Amino acid sequence: MARSQRYAVAASGQWTDEEEGRRRLPSGEVHAWEPGRNETVCGLSLSRSRLVRFPHVGWPDTFPESGGAADRVRRQCPRCASVAGRRGPDARPRRQRTNPRP
């Protein structure tokens, strides 16, 4: 049975949104991160990579069409996107078996 996982965000930079009451938001390159772990989904160490944690920002909020925290996100890690889910114009359709073996 598949378990629904909620991923937070770790990013290479941060900025403060003055309009929303001084809320910290991610900028630069973003990675999916499971709160409580010291590494991203793709295997980067948070401290060695100098990534900033954003436990209050969900992974789907980093997509440009979400209108969430994606204002200054430059790039999403493709390895993290393949695990955590990817939506958007560059998303490939999920693989479907057309003739599965019995």
N, C-alpha and C. Protein backbone atom coordinates (compact mmCIF):
# COMPACT_ATOMS: atom_id res chain seq x y z
N MET A 1 0.85 -1.16 0.00
CA MET A 1 0.00 0.00 0.00
C MET A 1 0.90 1.23 0.00
N ALA A 2 0.59 2.18 -0.88
CA ALA A 2 1.39 3.40 -1.00
C ALA A 2 1.05 4.36 0.14
N ARG A 3 2.08 4.94 0.68
CA ARG A 3 1.91 5.87 1.80
C ARG A 3 2.02 7.29 1.28
N SER A 4 1.08 8.12 1.59
CA SER A 4 1.12 9.52 1.17
C SER A 4 2.16 10.26 2.01
N GLN A 5 3.11 10.86 1.36
CA GLN A 5 4.22 11.53 2.04
C GLN A 5 4.11 13.04 1.81
N ARG A 6 4.27 13.81 2.85
CA ARG A 6 4.29 15.26 2.72
C ARG A 6 5.73 15.72 2.87
N TYR A 7 6.23 16.33 1.82
CA TYR A 7 7.61 16.80 1.83
C TYR A 7 7.65 18.30 2.07
N ALA A 8 8.61 18.73 2.84
CA ALA A 8 8.88 20.15 3.05
C ALA A 8 9.97 20.56 2.06
N VAL A 9 10.49 21.77 2.22
CA VAL A 9 11.45 22.32 1.26
C VAL A 9 12.74 22.70 1.96
N ALA A 10 13.85 22.42 1.30
CA ALA A 10 15.16 22.93 1.69
C ALA A 10 15.68 23.68 0.46
N ALA A 11 16.24 24.87 0.66
CA ALA A 11 16.64 25.70 -0.47
C ALA A 11 18.03 26.28 -0.26
N SER A 12 18.62 26.75 -1.36
CA SER A 12 19.97 27.32 -1.29
C SER A 12 19.94 28.76 -0.78
N GLY A 13 18.79 29.39 -0.75
CA GLY A 13 18.69 30.76 -0.25
C GLY A 13 17.33 31.03 0.36
N GLN A 14 17.18 32.22 0.89
CA GLN A 14 15.90 32.61 1.48
C GLN A 14 15.65 34.09 1.25
N TRP A 15 14.40 34.48 1.31
CA TRP A 15 14.02 35.88 1.24
C TRP A 15 12.81 36.08 2.13
N THR A 16 12.53 37.31 2.47
CA THR A 16 11.43 37.63 3.37
C THR A 16 10.36 38.39 2.61
N ASP A 17 9.15 37.89 2.67
CA ASP A 17 8.02 38.52 2.00
C ASP A 17 7.40 39.54 2.95
N GLU A 18 7.57 40.80 2.64
CA GLU A 18 7.05 41.87 3.51
C GLU A 18 5.52 41.96 3.44
N GLU A 19 4.92 41.59 2.30
CA GLU A 19 3.47 41.70 2.15
C GLU A 19 2.72 40.68 3.01
N GLU A 20 3.32 39.52 3.24
CA GLU A 20 2.66 38.48 4.02
C GLU A 20 3.11 38.48 5.48
N GLY A 21 3.64 39.56 5.94
CA GLY A 21 4.00 39.67 7.34
C GLY A 21 5.34 39.07 7.69
N ARG A 22 6.35 39.36 6.87
CA ARG A 22 7.74 38.96 7.14
C ARG A 22 7.90 37.45 7.22
N ARG A 23 7.33 36.75 6.29
CA ARG A 23 7.42 35.29 6.24
C ARG A 23 8.65 34.87 5.43
N ARG A 24 9.45 33.94 5.97
CA ARG A 24 10.62 33.44 5.25
C ARG A 24 10.17 32.49 4.14
N LEU A 25 10.74 32.69 2.94
CA LEU A 25 10.39 31.86 1.80
C LEU A 25 11.66 31.40 1.08
N PRO A 26 11.61 30.25 0.38
CA PRO A 26 12.80 29.74 -0.30
C PRO A 26 13.12 30.49 -1.58
N SER A 27 14.41 30.50 -1.92
CA SER A 27 14.85 31.06 -3.20
C SER A 27 16.02 30.23 -3.71
N GLY A 28 16.33 30.41 -4.99
CA GLY A 28 17.42 29.66 -5.59
C GLY A 28 16.99 28.26 -5.96
N GLU A 29 17.83 27.29 -5.68
CA GLU A 29 17.53 25.89 -5.98
C GLU A 29 16.83 25.25 -4.79
N VAL A 30 15.73 24.55 -5.05
CA VAL A 30 14.96 23.93 -3.98
C VAL A 30 15.04 22.41 -4.08
N HIS A 31 14.99 21.77 -2.92
CA HIS A 31 15.03 20.32 -2.80
C HIS A 31 13.88 19.88 -1.91
N ALA A 32 13.36 18.68 -2.14
CA ALA A 32 12.35 18.10 -1.25
C ALA A 32 13.07 17.54 -0.02
N TRP A 33 12.44 17.70 1.13
CA TRP A 33 13.06 17.33 2.40
C TRP A 33 11.99 16.78 3.33
N GLU A 34 12.32 15.68 4.01
CA GLU A 34 11.42 15.11 5.00
C GLU A 34 11.79 15.68 6.37
N PRO A 35 10.89 16.40 7.04
CA PRO A 35 11.21 16.93 8.36
C PRO A 35 11.61 15.80 9.32
N GLY A 36 12.67 16.07 10.08
CA GLY A 36 13.19 15.08 11.00
C GLY A 36 14.40 14.35 10.46
N ARG A 37 14.73 14.59 9.21
CA ARG A 37 15.90 13.97 8.60
C ARG A 37 16.95 15.04 8.31
N ASN A 38 18.20 14.65 8.19
CA ASN A 38 19.29 15.59 7.94
C ASN A 38 19.76 15.57 6.50
N GLU A 39 18.94 15.02 5.61
CA GLU A 39 19.29 15.01 4.20
C GLU A 39 18.05 15.19 3.35
N THR A 40 18.28 15.63 2.11
CA THR A 40 17.17 15.81 1.19
C THR A 40 16.77 14.46 0.62
N VAL A 41 15.69 14.45 -0.14
CA VAL A 41 15.21 13.21 -0.75
C VAL A 41 16.24 12.66 -1.74
N CYS A 42 16.98 13.54 -2.40
CA CYS A 42 17.97 13.10 -3.38
C CYS A 42 19.30 12.70 -2.73
N GLY A 43 19.45 12.87 -1.42
CA GLY A 43 20.62 12.40 -0.71
C GLY A 43 21.63 13.46 -0.31
N LEU A 44 21.38 14.73 -0.56
CA LEU A 44 22.31 15.78 -0.16
C LEU A 44 22.20 16.04 1.34
N SER A 45 23.32 16.20 1.97
CA SER A 45 23.36 16.56 3.38
C SER A 45 22.97 18.03 3.52
N LEU A 46 22.06 18.33 4.42
CA LEU A 46 21.60 19.71 4.58
C LEU A 46 22.71 20.63 5.07
N SER A 47 23.49 20.18 6.03
CA SER A 47 24.53 21.05 6.59
C SER A 47 25.71 21.21 5.64
N ARG A 48 26.15 20.14 5.03
CA ARG A 48 27.30 20.25 4.11
C ARG A 48 26.96 21.02 2.84
N SER A 49 25.73 20.92 2.40
CA SER A 49 25.31 21.65 1.20
C SER A 49 24.88 23.07 1.53
N ARG A 50 24.83 23.41 2.81
CA ARG A 50 24.41 24.73 3.30
C ARG A 50 23.01 25.09 2.80
N LEU A 51 22.11 24.14 2.94
CA LEU A 51 20.72 24.36 2.55
C LEU A 51 19.92 24.84 3.76
N VAL A 52 19.00 25.76 3.52
CA VAL A 52 18.15 26.33 4.56
C VAL A 52 16.85 25.52 4.59
N ARG A 53 16.41 25.14 5.78
CA ARG A 53 15.18 24.36 5.93
C ARG A 53 13.96 25.27 6.00
N PHE A 54 12.88 24.82 5.35
CA PHE A 54 11.61 25.52 5.38
C PHE A 54 10.51 24.51 5.71
N PRO A 55 10.34 24.15 6.99
CA PRO A 55 9.33 23.15 7.35
C PRO A 55 7.89 23.63 7.14
N HIS A 56 7.70 24.95 7.05
CA HIS A 56 6.36 25.51 6.89
C HIS A 56 5.96 25.64 5.42
N VAL A 57 6.87 25.31 4.48
CA VAL A 57 6.57 25.40 3.05
C VAL A 57 6.54 23.99 2.49
N GLY A 58 5.42 23.64 1.87
CA GLY A 58 5.28 22.31 1.27
C GLY A 58 5.89 22.25 -0.12
N TRP A 59 6.27 21.06 -0.56
CA TRP A 59 6.88 20.87 -1.87
C TRP A 59 5.98 21.37 -3.01
N PRO A 60 4.66 21.12 -2.99
CA PRO A 60 3.82 21.63 -4.09
C PRO A 60 3.79 23.16 -4.19
N ASP A 61 4.14 23.87 -3.12
CA ASP A 61 4.14 25.33 -3.15
C ASP A 61 5.31 25.91 -3.94
N THR A 62 6.27 25.09 -4.35
CA THR A 62 7.43 25.59 -5.09
C THR A 62 7.21 25.56 -6.59
N PHE A 63 6.07 25.05 -7.05
CA PHE A 63 5.78 25.03 -8.48
C PHE A 63 5.24 26.39 -8.90
N PRO A 64 5.67 26.90 -10.05
CA PRO A 64 5.26 28.25 -10.47
C PRO A 64 3.75 28.44 -10.57
N GLU A 65 3.02 27.43 -11.03
CA GLU A 65 1.57 27.58 -11.19
C GLU A 65 0.82 27.54 -9.87
N SER A 66 1.49 27.21 -8.78
CA SER A 66 0.82 27.14 -7.48
C SER A 66 0.54 28.53 -6.91
N GLY A 67 1.38 29.49 -7.28
CA GLY A 67 1.21 30.84 -6.74
C GLY A 67 1.62 30.94 -5.29
N GLY A 68 2.23 29.92 -4.75
CA GLY A 68 2.63 29.91 -3.34
C GLY A 68 3.98 30.58 -3.14
N ALA A 69 4.95 29.80 -2.73
CA ALA A 69 6.26 30.34 -2.38
C ALA A 69 7.24 30.26 -3.56
N ALA A 70 6.74 30.22 -4.78
CA ALA A 70 7.59 29.99 -5.95
C ALA A 70 8.08 31.28 -6.62
N ASP A 71 7.92 32.42 -5.99
CA ASP A 71 8.29 33.68 -6.64
C ASP A 71 9.76 33.76 -7.00
N ARG A 72 10.63 33.31 -6.14
CA ARG A 72 12.07 33.43 -6.38
C ARG A 72 12.78 32.09 -6.50
N VAL A 73 12.02 31.04 -6.77
CA VAL A 73 12.62 29.72 -6.99
C VAL A 73 13.18 29.69 -8.41
N ARG A 74 14.47 29.41 -8.53
CA ARG A 74 15.12 29.37 -9.84
C ARG A 74 15.08 27.98 -10.45
N ARG A 75 15.27 26.97 -9.62
CA ARG A 75 15.38 25.60 -10.13
C ARG A 75 14.92 24.61 -9.09
N GLN A 76 14.23 23.57 -9.55
CA GLN A 76 13.87 22.47 -8.68
C GLN A 76 14.77 21.29 -9.00
N CYS A 77 15.25 20.65 -7.98
CA CYS A 77 16.12 19.49 -8.17
C CYS A 77 15.34 18.41 -8.93
N PRO A 78 15.84 17.96 -10.08
CA PRO A 78 15.10 16.95 -10.84
C PRO A 78 15.02 15.59 -10.14
N ARG A 79 16.04 15.26 -9.34
CA ARG A 79 15.99 13.98 -8.61
C ARG A 79 14.93 14.03 -7.51
N CYS A 80 14.84 15.15 -6.83
CA CYS A 80 13.81 15.30 -5.79
C CYS A 80 12.42 15.33 -6.43
N ALA A 81 12.30 15.99 -7.57
CA ALA A 81 11.01 16.08 -8.25
C ALA A 81 10.52 14.72 -8.72
N SER A 82 11.44 13.83 -9.08
CA SER A 82 11.02 12.50 -9.52
C SER A 82 10.47 11.67 -8.37
N VAL A 83 10.96 11.93 -7.16
CA VAL A 83 10.49 11.18 -5.99
C VAL A 83 9.26 11.84 -5.38
N ALA A 84 9.32 13.14 -5.18
CA ALA A 84 8.26 13.86 -4.47
C ALA A 84 7.08 14.20 -5.36
N GLY A 85 7.23 14.09 -6.65
CA GLY A 85 6.15 14.42 -7.58
C GLY A 85 6.45 15.70 -8.30
N ARG A 86 6.07 15.70 -9.55
CA ARG A 86 6.34 16.86 -10.39
C ARG A 86 5.07 17.20 -11.14
N ARG A 87 4.75 18.44 -11.11
CA ARG A 87 3.64 18.94 -11.91
C ARG A 87 4.19 20.11 -12.69
N GLY A 88 3.67 20.34 -13.83
CA GLY A 88 4.11 21.48 -14.60
C GLY A 88 4.32 21.14 -16.06
N PRO A 89 4.78 22.12 -16.83
CA PRO A 89 4.91 21.91 -18.27
C PRO A 89 6.00 20.91 -18.64
N ASP A 90 7.02 20.74 -17.80
CA ASP A 90 8.09 19.80 -18.13
C ASP A 90 7.87 18.42 -17.53
N ALA A 91 6.72 18.21 -16.92
CA ALA A 91 6.44 16.92 -16.29
C ALA A 91 6.16 15.87 -17.35
N ARG A 92 6.78 14.73 -17.18
CA ARG A 92 6.52 13.61 -18.09
C ARG A 92 5.32 12.83 -17.55
N PRO A 93 4.53 12.24 -18.46
CA PRO A 93 3.43 11.42 -17.96
C PRO A 93 3.96 10.18 -17.26
N ARG A 94 3.21 9.71 -16.29
CA ARG A 94 3.63 8.51 -15.58
C ARG A 94 3.65 7.31 -16.53
N ARG A 95 4.57 6.42 -16.28
CA ARG A 95 4.73 5.25 -17.13
C ARG A 95 3.54 4.32 -16.95
N GLN A 96 2.99 3.84 -18.07
CA GLN A 96 1.91 2.88 -18.02
C GLN A 96 2.29 1.66 -18.82
N ARG A 97 2.03 0.52 -18.29
CA ARG A 97 2.29 -0.71 -19.00
C ARG A 97 1.12 -0.99 -19.92
N THR A 98 1.41 -1.19 -21.20
CA THR A 98 0.33 -1.44 -22.15
C THR A 98 0.03 -2.92 -22.30
N ASN A 99 1.03 -3.76 -22.11
CA ASN A 99 0.83 -5.18 -22.24
C ASN A 99 1.58 -5.89 -21.11
N PRO A 100 1.04 -5.84 -19.90
CA PRO A 100 1.77 -6.44 -18.77
C PRO A 100 1.78 -7.96 -18.87
N ARG A 101 2.81 -8.53 -18.32
CA ARG A 101 2.91 -9.99 -18.30
C ARG A 101 1.93 -10.57 -17.28
N PRO A 102 1.46 -11.78 -17.53
CA PRO A 102 0.52 -12.39 -16.56
C PRO A 102 1.21 -12.82 -15.29
